[in-house]
Amino acid sequence: MIKFVAGVVPILNGRDSEGNKICLGPQSTKIHRYLLVVLLAKASPMFSVWGKQMDNSVYFTLYKLWQVADSFKQIKPYFLPIHYDRTKVAIRIYTLISNNGWVAIKKIDGDTYVRLTEEGENVSTEVLEELIAYAQALP
């Protein structure tokens, strides 16, 4: 999964592979980025160990999710992190998509924990598949 996400990082950041802005733009891919970071954290054994088991689900702090996004600056082919703001922006985006039923949020001892719901996992997987197809269709 890491390889697939690494191949679409520029698109997630609103750019093509050469760094030019594309029609999706960075503002219109915010939800995509934040959803895919949680999907990746959950689905990749390398990152899933950073989660916390609660209510038969794995939750991740905003800081751990930021670390997942930031790790892509060390991964080929682009060496770019996924744009992810772990402060006010992250909680605002996750609150927005929790209203769609795609994530669940818990606040414990001052930390915010996020997990994908089943519907969120389905949506995230579809988004990733579409982004991969989009990246392959770009010149």
C-alpha atoms as a PDB file:
ATOM      1  CA  MET A   1       0.000   0.000   0.000  1.00  0.00           C
ATOM      2  CA  ILE A   2       2.885   2.361   0.746  1.00  0.00           C
ATOM      3  CA  LYS A   3       4.044   2.066  -2.861  1.00  0.00           C
ATOM      4  CA  PHE A   4       0.593   2.964  -4.189  1.00  0.00           C
ATOM      5  CA  VAL A   5       0.253   5.992  -1.927  1.00  0.00           C
ATOM      6  CA  ALA A   6       3.812   7.115  -2.721  1.00  0.00           C
ATOM      7  CA  GLY A   7       2.856   7.159  -6.398  1.00  0.00           C
ATOM      8  CA  VAL A   8       0.017   9.627  -5.830  1.00  0.00           C
ATOM      9  CA  VAL A   9       1.554  11.971  -3.225  1.00  0.00           C
ATOM     10  CA  PRO A  10       1.958  14.841  -5.708  1.00  0.00           C
ATOM     11  CA  ILE A  11      -1.713  14.547  -6.693  1.00  0.00           C
ATOM     12  CA  LEU A  12      -2.743  14.444  -3.037  1.00  0.00           C
ATOM     13  CA  ASN A  13      -0.763  17.653  -2.603  1.00  0.00           C
ATOM     14  CA  GLY A  14      -2.487  19.227  -5.647  1.00  0.00           C
ATOM     15  CA  ARG A  15       0.453  18.866  -8.032  1.00  0.00           C
ATOM     16  CA  ASP A  16       1.522  16.758 -10.961  1.00  0.00           C
ATOM     17  CA  SER A  17       4.719  14.706 -10.884  1.00  0.00           C
ATOM     18  CA  GLU A  18       6.734  17.746 -11.997  1.00  0.00           C
ATOM     19  CA  GLY A  19       5.361  19.999  -9.251  1.00  0.00           C
ATOM     20  CA  ASN A  20       2.904  21.980 -11.373  1.00  0.00           C
ATOM     21  CA  LYS A  21      -0.526  22.757  -9.921  1.00  0.00           C
ATOM     22  CA  ILE A  22      -3.258  20.554 -11.308  1.00  0.00           C
ATOM     23  CA  CYS A  23      -6.976  21.154 -11.543  1.00  0.00           C
ATOM     24  CA  LEU A  24      -7.676  19.266  -8.320  1.00  0.00           C
ATOM     25  CA  GLY A  25      -5.494  21.688  -6.375  1.00  0.00           C
ATOM     26  CA  PRO A  26      -4.324  21.307  -2.776  1.00  0.00           C
ATOM     27  CA  GLN A  27      -7.534  22.681  -1.257  1.00  0.00           C
ATOM     28  CA  SER A  28      -9.788  20.218  -3.041  1.00  0.00           C
ATOM     29  CA  THR A  29      -7.712  17.206  -1.994  1.00  0.00           C
ATOM     30  CA  LYS A  30      -7.675  17.897   1.760  1.00  0.00           C
ATOM     31  CA  ILE A  31     -10.295  15.287   2.602  1.00  0.00           C
ATOM     32  CA  HIS A  32      -8.516  12.771   0.357  1.00  0.00           C
ATOM     33  CA  ARG A  33      -5.209  13.336   2.144  1.00  0.00           C
ATOM     34  CA  TYR A  34      -6.577  13.069   5.651  1.00  0.00           C
ATOM     35  CA  LEU A  35      -8.626   9.954   4.858  1.00  0.00           C
ATOM     36  CA  LEU A  36      -5.747   8.191   3.128  1.00  0.00           C
ATOM     37  CA  VAL A  37      -3.339   8.913   5.958  1.00  0.00           C
ATOM     38  CA  VAL A  38      -5.663   7.088   8.382  1.00  0.00           C
ATOM     39  CA  LEU A  39      -6.172   4.236   5.900  1.00  0.00           C
ATOM     40  CA  LEU A  40      -2.439   3.861   5.497  1.00  0.00           C
ATOM     41  CA  ALA A  41      -1.828   3.999   9.255  1.00  0.00           C
ATOM     42  CA  LYS A  42      -4.389   1.259   9.785  1.00  0.00           C
ATOM     43  CA  ALA A  43      -3.511  -0.963   6.819  1.00  0.00           C
ATOM     44  CA  SER A  44       0.274  -0.909   7.010  1.00  0.00           C
ATOM     45  CA  PRO A  45       1.824  -3.055   9.734  1.00  0.00           C
ATOM     46  CA  MET A  46       4.722  -0.608   9.825  1.00  0.00           C
ATOM     47  CA  PHE A  47       2.371   2.153  11.026  1.00  0.00           C
ATOM     48  CA  SER A  48      -0.450   0.205  12.672  1.00  0.00           C
ATOM     49  CA  VAL A  49       1.734  -0.498  15.709  1.00  0.00           C
ATOM     50  CA  TRP A  50       1.488   3.245  16.469  1.00  0.00           C
ATOM     51  CA  GLY A  51      -2.243   2.900  17.050  1.00  0.00           C
ATOM     52  CA  LYS A  52      -4.103   2.380  20.289  1.00  0.00           C
ATOM     53  CA  GLN A  53      -6.672  -0.392  20.631  1.00  0.00           C
ATOM     54  CA  MET A  54     -10.008   0.944  21.933  1.00  0.00           C
ATOM     55  CA  ASP A  55     -13.514  -0.440  21.504  1.00  0.00           C
ATOM     56  CA  ASN A  56     -12.290  -3.246  19.202  1.00  0.00           C
ATOM     57  CA  SER A  57     -10.765  -0.667  16.823  1.00  0.00           C
ATOM     58  CA  VAL A  58      -7.385   0.942  16.297  1.00  0.00           C
ATOM     59  CA  TYR A  59      -7.228   4.691  16.878  1.00  0.00           C
ATOM     60  CA  PHE A  60      -4.349   7.030  16.023  1.00  0.00           C
ATOM     61  CA  THR A  61      -3.389  10.363  17.519  1.00  0.00           C
ATOM     62  CA  LEU A  62      -3.084  13.357  15.224  1.00  0.00           C
ATOM     63  CA  TYR A  63       0.650  13.362  15.910  1.00  0.00           C
ATOM     64  CA  LYS A  64       1.092   9.743  14.786  1.00  0.00           C
ATOM     65  CA  LEU A  65      -0.967  10.435  11.667  1.00  0.00           C
ATOM     66  CA  TRP A  66       1.292  13.408  10.927  1.00  0.00           C
ATOM     67  CA  GLN A  67       4.305  11.088  11.262  1.00  0.00           C
ATOM     68  CA  VAL A  68       2.749   8.740   8.684  1.00  0.00           C
ATOM     69  CA  ALA A  69       2.235  11.655   6.281  1.00  0.00           C
ATOM     70  CA  ASP A  70       5.701  13.065   6.926  1.00  0.00           C
ATOM     71  CA  SER A  71       7.399   9.702   6.350  1.00  0.00           C
ATOM     72  CA  PHE A  72       6.756  10.020   2.614  1.00  0.00           C
ATOM     73  CA  LYS A  73       9.505  12.619   2.298  1.00  0.00           C
ATOM     74  CA  GLN A  74      11.886   9.658   2.485  1.00  0.00           C
ATOM     75  CA  ILE A  75      10.075   7.434  -0.030  1.00  0.00           C
ATOM     76  CA  LYS A  76      10.652   7.197  -3.789  1.00  0.00           C
ATOM     77  CA  PRO A  77       9.763   8.329  -6.358  1.00  0.00           C
ATOM     78  CA  TYR A  78       8.980  11.885  -5.186  1.00  0.00           C
ATOM     79  CA  PHE A  79      10.480  12.229  -1.697  1.00  0.00           C
ATOM     80  CA  LEU A  80       7.560  14.472  -0.708  1.00  0.00           C
ATOM     81  CA  PRO A  81       5.592  14.396   2.531  1.00  0.00           C
ATOM     82  CA  ILE A  82       1.825  14.315   2.287  1.00  0.00           C
ATOM     83  CA  HIS A  83       0.608  17.798   3.246  1.00  0.00           C
ATOM     84  CA  TYR A  84      -0.886  17.306   6.691  1.00  0.00           C
ATOM     85  CA  ASP A  85      -1.393  19.886   9.422  1.00  0.00           C
ATOM     86  CA  ARG A  86      -1.765  18.103  12.747  1.00  0.00           C
ATOM     87  CA  THR A  87      -3.070  21.115  14.642  1.00  0.00           C
ATOM     88  CA  LYS A  88      -6.363  22.924  14.102  1.00  0.00           C
ATOM     89  CA  VAL A  89      -6.674  21.935  10.456  1.00  0.00           C
ATOM     90  CA  ALA A  90      -6.547  18.191  11.143  1.00  0.00           C
ATOM     91  CA  ILE A  91      -9.242  18.255  13.808  1.00  0.00           C
ATOM     92  CA  ARG A  92     -11.420  20.461  11.597  1.00  0.00           C
ATOM     93  CA  ILE A  93     -11.086  18.076   8.637  1.00  0.00           C
ATOM     94  CA  TYR A  94     -11.651  14.964  10.752  1.00  0.00           C
ATOM     95  CA  THR A  95     -14.695  16.561  12.405  1.00  0.00           C
ATOM     96  CA  LEU A  96     -16.060  17.382   8.957  1.00  0.00           C
ATOM     97  CA  ILE A  97     -15.622  13.843   7.665  1.00  0.00           C
ATOM     98  CA  SER A  98     -16.905  12.337  10.907  1.00  0.00           C
ATOM     99  CA  ASN A  99     -20.213  14.017  10.047  1.00  0.00           C
ATOM    100  CA  ASN A 100     -20.193  11.856   6.890  1.00  0.00           C
ATOM    101  CA  GLY A 101     -19.644   8.780   9.049  1.00  0.00           C
ATOM    102  CA  TRP A 102     -16.187   8.094   7.623  1.00  0.00           C
ATOM    103  CA  VAL A 103     -14.163   8.495  10.815  1.00  0.00           C
ATOM    104  CA  ALA A 104     -14.775   8.273  14.542  1.00  0.00           C
ATOM    105  CA  ILE A 105     -13.072  10.697  16.916  1.00  0.00           C
ATOM    106  CA  LYS A 106     -12.275  10.300  20.615  1.00  0.00           C
ATOM    107  CA  LYS A 107     -10.659  12.808  22.952  1.00  0.00           C
ATOM    108  CA  ILE A 108      -8.762  11.278  25.857  1.00  0.00           C
ATOM    109  CA  ASP A 109      -6.546  13.182  28.271  1.00  0.00           C
ATOM    110  CA  GLY A 110      -6.064  16.077  25.861  1.00  0.00           C
ATOM    111  CA  ASP A 111      -5.202  13.865  22.883  1.00  0.00           C
ATOM    112  CA  THR A 112      -7.433  13.468  19.857  1.00  0.00           C
ATOM    113  CA  TYR A 113      -7.725   9.942  18.468  1.00  0.00           C
ATOM    114  CA  VAL A 114      -9.085   9.104  15.023  1.00  0.00           C
ATOM    115  CA  ARG A 115     -10.084   5.842  13.364  1.00  0.00           C
ATOM    116  CA  LEU A 116     -11.717   4.920  10.084  1.00  0.00           C
ATOM    117  CA  THR A 117     -15.211   3.516  10.139  1.00  0.00           C
ATOM    118  CA  GLU A 118     -16.098   0.660   7.819  1.00  0.00           C
ATOM    119  CA  GLU A 119     -17.710   3.141   5.424  1.00  0.00           C
ATOM    120  CA  GLY A 120     -14.641   5.382   5.675  1.00  0.00           C
ATOM    121  CA  GLU A 121     -12.386   2.474   4.832  1.00  0.00           C
ATOM    122  CA  ASN A 122     -14.467   1.700   1.745  1.00  0.00           C
ATOM    123  CA  VAL A 123     -14.451   5.345   0.631  1.00  0.00           C
ATOM    124  CA  SER A 124     -10.703   5.661   1.280  1.00  0.00           C
ATOM    125  CA  THR A 125      -9.935   2.539  -0.729  1.00  0.00           C
ATOM    126  CA  GLU A 126     -12.044   3.807  -3.638  1.00  0.00           C
ATOM    127  CA  VAL A 127     -10.345   7.215  -3.464  1.00  0.00           C
ATOM    128  CA  LEU A 128      -6.917   5.573  -3.574  1.00  0.00           C
ATOM    129  CA  GLU A 129      -7.896   3.449  -6.574  1.00  0.00           C
ATOM    130  CA  GLU A 130      -9.217   6.539  -8.394  1.00  0.00           C
ATOM    131  CA  LEU A 131      -6.091   8.565  -7.592  1.00  0.00           C
ATOM    132  CA  ILE A 132      -3.895   5.782  -8.946  1.00  0.00           C
ATOM    133  CA  ALA A 133      -5.945   5.741 -12.175  1.00  0.00           C
ATOM    134  CA  TYR A 134      -5.785   9.543 -12.337  1.00  0.00           C
ATOM    135  CA  ALA A 135      -1.991   9.514 -11.899  1.00  0.00           C
ATOM    136  CA  GLN A 136      -1.632   6.955 -14.682  1.00  0.00           C
ATOM    137  CA  ALA A 137      -3.789   9.074 -17.005  1.00  0.00           C
ATOM    138  CA  LEU A 138      -1.726  12.243 -16.519  1.00  0.00           C
ATOM    139  CA  PRO A 139       0.772  13.032 -19.271  1.00  0.00           C
END
